[in-house]
Amino acid sequence: MLCNSKTTVFIRRNVFFAIAVLLLLCIPEYSGALADDNGGDVNSDGQSGAADAAIILRLANDANTSKNAVADVTQSGTVDGTDARVLLHYATGQIPSLDSLAEKLQNGLCDESLFDQFSYTGVEESTGEYYRSNSVSITITQYQFQKQVNEHNRLITCYVADIYIQSIDSFRTALSSGAYRGKYQLVLDMAIEHNAFVAISGDFYNSSLHSGPVCRNGVWYRQEENDEFDLCVLGYDGVLSTYLAGTYELDDIVAQNPYQVWCFGPALISEDGLPESYNSTSALKREHPRSAIGSDGPGHYVFLLADGRRPTYSSGFNFEGLSEFFLALGCTAAYNLDGGRTAVMATQDGLVSIPIEPQRPVSDILYIAAP
């Protein structure tokens, strides 16, 4: 099932936690944890837990409650449903310390409402499926479905890595053989070399058919204009942005002091949230293996890998279908990277996707690792 809107998710979360709070109030051992932190004990009974969460949830967003420093367990300056959910997690032992959590949320990329995407009591992982720590959360899901394309039913198989990170240092790129214009390597070999939780092929900056700017991990390797390719820029603030060809000045991009810059494309979502318009040329309408990235805000990213060119397993995406899929995932920005035999998703433990053989060695990857 694809993501619902943020509003629907917010409502469902608060309804769920309201019910959960009421249930936990009936269980003595889950009533709360000792109030050894600087917040949460709203009813002054010496504990911070489910009873306090119930009070906060009832009074959330009330102006007087928002001034209550004890109720503001995330120390964000606002008391809302997130504070209630944090207390519920604290009461059930999923958060060891309210103070340390508040510090992490204040300094992290993700909105505080996403705190429950992470694990605060140790690493949780299952090879090729998910990884969660207090700073990185990745869930890899296979999607397989039928889609009508040009009056024909197509089978599409793709892999989505749903990624949350608290530090931009966890989002990295790597150049093949560790050097600009180094000897090409397979995506899997690079993923293993860099201990990647998940990795996908990049924009193949060193292709003989390719030119344009190259900035990786804050280092500029090439400041070259290219009026034919859309750009994708990732800032140190975690914001992913796209720029249509011919609508930007490279000097302005350089002045932003970007963390990553990719030059390939196209951009997949327009400023009004709709799929970009693509002309009717056969190359753009065809389905192919695709590698792409999306985001709906700082700290939350999607790596997408669509296998293709095998009708009984997966035809791949055309750009219109790729745009629609990112929108269904809730992304507000998305960008196509190099595809075809280049398109591969892997972890340090092995391949995730089933790429076309023989695989094409690449010049670069995008990957997620420990900060």
Protein backbone atom coordinates (compact mmCIF):
# COMPACT_ATOMS: atom_id res chain seq x y z
CA MET A 1 0.00 0.00 0.00
CA LEU A 2 1.38 3.42 -0.93
CA CYS A 3 1.65 6.34 1.46
CA ASN A 4 -1.42 8.36 2.43
CA SER A 5 -1.26 12.12 2.79
CA LYS A 6 0.55 13.55 5.81
CA THR A 7 -2.74 14.83 7.23
CA THR A 8 -4.29 11.36 7.14
CA VAL A 9 -1.19 9.84 8.71
CA PHE A 10 -1.23 12.46 11.49
CA ILE A 11 -4.88 11.81 12.29
CA ARG A 12 -4.45 8.04 12.27
CA ARG A 13 -1.37 8.26 14.50
CA ASN A 14 -3.14 10.36 17.11
CA VAL A 15 -6.24 8.16 17.11
CA PHE A 16 -4.03 5.10 17.50
CA PHE A 17 -2.06 6.62 20.35
CA ALA A 18 -5.16 7.87 22.12
CA ILE A 19 -6.46 4.30 22.19
CA ALA A 20 -3.04 2.97 23.17
CA VAL A 21 -2.75 5.43 26.04
CA LEU A 22 -6.13 4.40 27.41
CA LEU A 23 -5.18 0.72 27.22
CA LEU A 24 -1.83 1.28 28.90
CA LEU A 25 -3.43 3.20 31.74
CA CYS A 26 -5.16 -0.04 32.66
CA ILE A 27 -1.84 -1.91 32.93
CA PRO A 28 0.05 -0.98 36.12
CA GLU A 29 3.56 -1.90 34.89
CA TYR A 30 3.13 0.41 31.88
CA SER A 31 1.71 3.36 33.78
CA GLY A 32 4.99 5.27 33.54
CA ALA A 33 8.73 5.48 34.08
CA LEU A 34 10.44 7.37 36.89
CA ALA A 35 10.59 11.08 36.15
CA ASP A 36 14.39 11.29 36.13
CA ASP A 37 14.40 13.57 33.08
CA ASN A 38 13.46 17.23 32.95
CA GLY A 39 10.02 16.75 31.48
CA GLY A 40 6.94 14.62 31.10
CA ASP A 41 5.61 14.48 34.66
CA VAL A 42 2.60 16.65 33.93
CA ASN A 43 0.49 15.35 36.81
CA SER A 44 3.39 15.56 39.31
CA ASP A 45 3.13 11.95 40.51
CA GLY A 46 6.86 11.27 40.19
CA GLN A 47 6.50 9.37 36.93
CA SER A 48 6.48 10.25 33.25
CA GLY A 49 4.28 7.97 31.25
CA ALA A 50 0.90 6.99 29.92
CA ALA A 51 -1.14 9.10 32.34
CA ASP A 52 0.82 12.20 31.38
CA ALA A 53 0.52 11.30 27.69
CA ALA A 54 -3.25 11.16 28.08
CA ILE A 55 -3.29 14.66 29.61
CA ILE A 56 -1.05 16.08 26.88
CA LEU A 57 -3.06 14.45 24.11
CA ARG A 58 -6.25 15.95 25.52
CA LEU A 59 -4.76 19.43 25.85
CA ALA A 60 -2.48 19.41 22.81
CA ASN A 61 -2.19 22.71 20.95
CA ASP A 62 -3.90 24.61 23.80
CA ALA A 63 -2.04 27.90 24.27
CA ASN A 64 -1.65 27.42 28.02
CA THR A 65 -0.37 23.87 27.61
CA SER A 66 2.20 25.06 25.07
CA LYS A 67 3.76 27.23 27.76
CA ASN A 68 4.22 24.21 30.01
CA ALA A 69 7.90 23.23 29.85
CA VAL A 70 7.19 19.94 31.62
CA ALA A 71 4.68 18.92 28.95
CA ASP A 72 7.04 19.95 26.14
CA VAL A 73 9.09 16.76 26.36
CA THR A 74 10.65 17.28 22.93
CA GLN A 75 11.73 20.80 23.98
CA SER A 76 10.49 22.19 20.68
CA GLY A 77 8.55 25.12 22.13
CA THR A 78 5.19 23.53 21.27
CA VAL A 79 3.12 20.91 23.05
CA ASP A 80 1.28 18.62 20.67
CA GLY A 81 0.50 15.01 19.86
CA THR A 82 4.17 14.24 19.27
CA ASP A 83 4.93 14.90 22.95
CA ALA A 84 2.18 12.45 23.91
CA ARG A 85 3.54 9.79 21.55
CA VAL A 86 7.07 10.30 22.89
CA LEU A 87 5.86 9.77 26.46
CA LEU A 88 4.05 6.59 25.46
CA HIS A 89 7.25 5.24 23.93
CA TYR A 90 9.13 6.26 27.08
CA ALA A 91 6.59 4.51 29.31
CA THR A 92 7.01 1.27 27.36
CA GLY A 93 10.81 1.39 27.45
CA GLN A 94 11.35 2.22 23.78
CA ILE A 95 13.08 5.49 24.72
CA PRO A 96 15.67 5.32 27.54
CA SER A 97 15.98 9.08 28.15
CA LEU A 98 13.70 11.99 27.32
CA ASP A 99 16.53 14.52 27.55
CA SER A 100 18.83 12.69 25.13
CA LEU A 101 15.95 12.20 22.71
CA ALA A 102 15.09 15.92 22.82
CA GLU A 103 18.69 16.81 22.03
CA LYS A 104 18.78 14.42 19.08
CA LEU A 105 15.50 15.74 17.71
CA GLN A 106 16.62 19.36 18.00
CA ASN A 107 19.88 18.65 16.16
CA GLY A 108 18.53 16.16 13.59
CA LEU A 109 17.31 16.63 10.02
CA CYS A 110 13.94 14.96 10.49
CA ASP A 111 10.85 16.68 11.79
CA GLU A 112 10.29 15.65 15.42
CA SER A 113 7.04 13.90 14.47
CA LEU A 114 9.19 11.26 12.74
CA PHE A 115 10.95 10.24 15.96
CA ASP A 116 9.31 6.80 15.93
CA GLN A 117 11.03 5.86 12.68
CA PHE A 118 14.21 5.24 14.69
CA SER A 119 15.34 2.73 17.32
CA TYR A 120 16.71 4.10 20.62
CA THR A 121 17.45 0.83 22.41
CA GLY A 122 19.96 -0.66 19.97
CA VAL A 123 20.17 -1.57 16.30
CA GLU A 124 17.30 -3.49 14.72
CA GLU A 125 18.04 -5.11 11.39
CA SER A 126 17.13 -7.83 8.94
CA THR A 127 19.44 -8.36 5.99
CA GLY A 128 18.06 -6.81 2.82
CA GLU A 129 14.83 -5.70 4.50
CA TYR A 130 15.39 -3.07 7.17
CA TYR A 131 17.92 -1.35 9.39
CA ARG A 132 17.12 0.98 12.30
CA SER A 133 19.36 2.80 14.75
CA ASN A 134 18.92 6.08 16.61
CA SER A 135 20.16 8.01 13.55
CA VAL A 136 19.38 5.90 10.46
CA SER A 137 16.22 4.05 9.44
CA ILE A 138 15.84 2.13 6.18
CA THR A 139 13.05 -0.15 5.04
CA ILE A 140 13.35 -1.88 1.66
CA THR A 141 10.12 -2.96 0.01
CA GLN A 142 9.48 -4.77 -3.26
CA TYR A 143 6.50 -3.52 -5.28
CA GLN A 144 5.09 -5.58 -8.14
CA PHE A 145 2.01 -4.51 -10.05
CA GLN A 146 0.31 -4.31 -13.43
CA LYS A 147 0.14 -0.96 -15.21
CA GLN A 148 -1.49 -0.09 -18.50
CA VAL A 149 0.97 1.62 -20.83
CA ASN A 150 -0.02 2.59 -24.37
CA GLU A 151 -3.04 0.24 -24.19
CA HIS A 152 -0.88 -2.68 -23.06
CA ASN A 153 -0.67 -4.22 -19.58
CA ARG A 154 2.86 -4.12 -18.24
CA LEU A 155 4.26 -5.95 -15.22
CA ILE A 156 6.50 -3.66 -13.17
CA THR A 157 8.80 -4.79 -10.38
CA CYS A 158 10.63 -2.16 -8.37
CA TYR A 159 12.42 -1.82 -5.06
CA VAL A 160 11.92 1.15 -2.74
CA ALA A 161 14.30 2.03 0.07
CA ASP A 162 12.39 4.29 2.48
CA ILE A 163 15.14 6.23 4.26
CA TYR A 164 15.20 8.47 7.34
CA ILE A 165 18.44 10.02 8.57
CA GLN A 166 19.21 12.51 11.33
CA SER A 167 22.62 13.55 9.98
CA ILE A 168 23.40 14.56 6.41
CA ASP A 169 26.70 12.68 6.83
CA SER A 170 24.74 9.45 6.45
CA PHE A 171 23.82 10.34 2.85
CA ARG A 172 26.95 9.87 0.79
CA THR A 173 28.17 9.40 -2.72
CA ALA A 174 31.21 7.45 -3.83
CA LEU A 175 33.35 7.66 -6.95
CA SER A 176 34.55 4.42 -8.52
CA SER A 177 38.01 3.32 -7.39
CA GLY A 178 37.95 6.22 -4.92
CA ALA A 179 38.94 8.82 -7.49
CA TYR A 180 37.48 11.32 -9.91
CA ARG A 181 37.32 9.51 -13.26
CA GLY A 182 38.59 6.36 -11.56
CA LYS A 183 38.26 2.86 -13.00
CA TYR A 184 34.62 1.78 -13.14
CA GLN A 185 33.26 -0.67 -10.57
CA LEU A 186 30.06 -2.67 -10.06
CA VAL A 187 27.50 -1.13 -7.72
CA LEU A 188 27.62 -4.18 -5.43
CA ASP A 189 31.40 -4.00 -5.08
CA MET A 190 31.18 -0.32 -4.18
CA ALA A 191 28.38 -0.97 -1.68
CA ILE A 192 30.51 -3.60 0.06
CA GLU A 193 33.59 -1.37 0.01
CA HIS A 194 31.74 1.52 1.67
CA ASN A 195 29.67 -0.53 4.16
CA ALA A 196 26.47 0.77 2.61
CA PHE A 197 23.15 -0.01 4.25
CA VAL A 198 21.70 0.59 0.79
CA ALA A 199 23.18 1.91 -2.46
CA ILE A 200 21.97 2.74 -5.97
CA SER A 201 23.70 3.68 -9.19
CA GLY A 202 24.27 7.41 -9.71
CA ASP A 203 24.28 9.76 -12.70
CA PHE A 204 27.30 8.18 -14.45
CA TYR A 205 29.04 11.59 -14.51
CA ASN A 206 32.01 10.12 -16.41
CA SER A 207 30.04 8.73 -19.35
CA SER A 208 31.35 9.79 -22.75
CA LEU A 209 27.83 11.09 -23.46
CA HIS A 210 27.67 13.14 -20.29
CA SER A 211 28.84 16.56 -19.16
CA GLY A 212 27.82 19.11 -16.56
CA PRO A 213 28.60 19.97 -12.94
CA VAL A 214 29.86 17.37 -10.46
CA CYS A 215 29.80 18.01 -6.70
CA ARG A 216 30.05 15.06 -4.33
CA ASN A 217 30.10 15.11 -0.53
CA GLY A 218 30.72 18.86 -0.65
CA VAL A 219 33.67 18.67 -3.05
CA TRP A 220 33.47 20.25 -6.52
CA TYR A 221 35.11 18.15 -9.23
CA ARG A 222 33.64 19.88 -12.25
CA GLN A 223 31.91 23.25 -12.60
CA GLU A 224 30.75 22.92 -16.17
CA GLU A 225 27.59 24.36 -17.69
CA ASN A 226 25.09 22.03 -19.35
CA ASP A 227 21.89 23.54 -20.71
CA GLU A 228 20.41 20.16 -21.73
CA PHE A 229 20.20 18.38 -18.39
CA ASP A 230 18.07 19.04 -15.32
CA LEU A 231 19.99 19.32 -12.06
CA CYS A 232 19.35 17.77 -8.66
CA VAL A 233 20.88 19.44 -5.62
CA LEU A 234 21.06 18.15 -2.04
CA GLY A 235 21.92 20.80 0.55
CA TYR A 236 23.61 20.39 3.90
CA ASP A 237 20.22 21.23 5.38
CA GLY A 238 18.84 18.01 3.90
CA VAL A 239 16.61 19.70 1.30
CA LEU A 240 16.48 17.95 -2.09
CA SER A 241 15.75 20.34 -4.98
CA THR A 242 15.55 19.99 -8.76
CA TYR A 243 16.21 22.58 -11.46
CA LEU A 244 14.97 22.33 -15.02
CA ALA A 245 17.51 22.68 -17.82
CA GLY A 246 17.94 26.27 -18.93
CA THR A 247 16.28 27.75 -15.82
CA TYR A 248 19.31 28.09 -13.54
CA GLU A 249 22.71 29.73 -13.45
CA LEU A 250 25.54 27.46 -12.32
CA ASP A 251 27.08 30.33 -10.33
CA ASP A 252 23.88 30.43 -8.26
CA ILE A 253 24.13 26.69 -7.59
CA VAL A 254 27.78 27.04 -6.56
CA ALA A 255 26.86 29.91 -4.26
CA GLN A 256 24.49 27.62 -2.36
CA ASN A 257 27.48 25.58 -1.15
CA PRO A 258 25.70 22.31 -2.02
CA TYR A 259 26.45 18.93 -0.52
CA GLN A 260 25.64 16.91 -3.67
CA VAL A 261 24.88 17.89 -7.27
CA TRP A 262 23.72 15.43 -9.92
CA CYS A 263 23.39 16.23 -13.61
CA PHE A 264 21.21 13.76 -15.52
CA GLY A 265 17.45 13.79 -15.03
CA PRO A 266 14.85 14.58 -15.86
CA ALA A 267 13.24 16.07 -12.78
CA LEU A 268 10.09 14.03 -12.14
CA ILE A 269 7.77 16.33 -10.14
CA SER A 270 6.86 19.88 -11.08
CA GLU A 271 6.57 22.86 -8.71
CA ASP A 272 2.81 22.35 -8.41
CA GLY A 273 3.26 18.72 -7.36
CA LEU A 274 2.24 17.20 -10.71
CA PRO A 275 4.30 14.89 -12.91
CA GLU A 276 6.59 16.76 -15.25
CA SER A 277 5.39 16.99 -18.86
CA TYR A 278 7.37 14.85 -21.26
CA ASN A 279 7.24 15.09 -25.02
CA SER A 280 6.05 12.19 -27.13
CA THR A 281 9.42 10.97 -28.39
CA SER A 282 9.74 7.21 -28.31
CA ALA A 283 12.77 7.31 -26.01
CA LEU A 284 10.81 9.04 -23.24
CA LYS A 285 7.72 6.87 -23.64
CA ARG A 286 9.55 3.56 -23.46
CA GLU A 287 9.85 1.48 -20.31
CA HIS A 288 13.38 0.81 -19.09
CA PRO A 289 15.19 -0.10 -15.87
CA ARG A 290 15.35 3.09 -13.78
CA SER A 291 17.33 4.41 -10.85
CA ALA A 292 15.89 7.47 -9.11
CA ILE A 293 15.72 9.45 -5.89
CA GLY A 294 12.88 11.30 -4.17
CA SER A 295 12.12 13.20 -0.98
CA ASP A 296 9.27 14.90 0.87
CA GLY A 297 11.43 16.94 3.24
CA PRO A 298 14.77 17.10 5.05
CA GLY A 299 15.95 13.75 6.37
CA HIS A 300 13.42 11.62 4.48
CA TYR A 301 14.48 10.14 1.14
CA VAL A 302 13.46 7.41 -1.24
CA PHE A 303 15.86 5.37 -3.36
CA LEU A 304 13.93 3.68 -6.15
CA LEU A 305 15.19 0.96 -8.47
CA ALA A 306 12.92 -0.41 -11.17
CA ASP A 307 14.09 -3.53 -12.98
CA GLY A 308 13.12 -3.79 -16.63
CA ARG A 309 13.40 -5.18 -20.16
CA ARG A 310 12.04 -8.58 -19.05
CA PRO A 311 8.27 -8.64 -19.75
CA THR A 312 7.48 -11.67 -17.56
CA TYR A 313 9.28 -10.10 -14.58
CA SER A 314 9.37 -6.35 -15.14
CA SER A 315 9.09 -4.04 -18.12
CA GLY A 316 10.46 -1.06 -16.20
CA PHE A 317 9.07 2.49 -16.00
CA ASN A 318 8.68 5.24 -18.53
CA PHE A 319 9.12 8.73 -17.10
CA GLU A 320 5.42 9.41 -16.72
CA GLY A 321 4.93 6.22 -14.73
CA LEU A 322 8.01 6.96 -12.63
CA SER A 323 6.67 10.42 -11.77
CA GLU A 324 3.28 9.04 -10.81
CA PHE A 325 4.86 6.41 -8.58
CA PHE A 326 6.93 8.97 -6.67
CA LEU A 327 3.83 11.10 -6.17
CA ALA A 328 1.97 8.07 -4.84
CA LEU A 329 4.82 7.56 -2.35
CA GLY A 330 4.23 11.10 -1.08
CA CYS A 331 7.35 12.70 -2.54
CA THR A 332 7.44 16.40 -3.38
CA ALA A 333 10.72 16.25 -5.31
CA ALA A 334 12.09 13.40 -7.42
CA TYR A 335 14.86 12.94 -9.96
CA ASN A 336 15.82 10.30 -12.48
CA LEU A 337 19.37 8.94 -12.47
CA ASP A 338 21.13 6.70 -14.98
CA GLY A 339 19.20 3.58 -16.00
CA GLY A 340 19.35 0.56 -18.26
CA ARG A 341 22.12 -1.90 -17.37
CA THR A 342 23.48 0.74 -14.99
CA ALA A 343 20.41 0.56 -12.73
CA VAL A 344 21.23 -1.51 -9.62
CA MET A 345 20.28 -1.47 -5.93
CA ALA A 346 22.52 -3.27 -3.46
CA THR A 347 23.50 -3.43 0.20
CA GLN A 348 26.78 -4.43 1.78
CA ASP A 349 25.25 -7.93 2.02
CA GLY A 350 24.31 -8.39 -1.63
CA LEU A 351 22.09 -7.37 -4.52
CA VAL A 352 18.55 -6.17 -3.84
CA SER A 353 17.38 -5.75 -7.43
CA ILE A 354 17.82 -8.30 -10.20
CA PRO A 355 19.83 -6.33 -12.77
CA ILE A 356 20.26 -7.12 -16.43
CA GLU A 357 23.33 -9.22 -17.10
CA PRO A 358 26.04 -8.43 -17.83
CA GLN A 359 25.89 -5.52 -15.39
CA ARG A 360 27.50 -2.27 -16.43
CA PRO A 361 30.25 -1.03 -14.09
CA VAL A 362 29.58 2.54 -12.99
CA SER A 363 31.48 5.69 -12.13
CA ASP A 364 29.50 6.56 -8.98
CA ILE A 365 26.86 5.52 -6.48
CA LEU A 366 24.53 7.10 -3.93
CA TYR A 367 24.48 5.28 -0.60
CA ILE A 368 23.42 5.45 3.05
CA ALA A 369 25.81 4.59 5.86
CA ALA A 370 26.33 5.20 9.57
CA PRO A 371 27.08 8.90 10.26
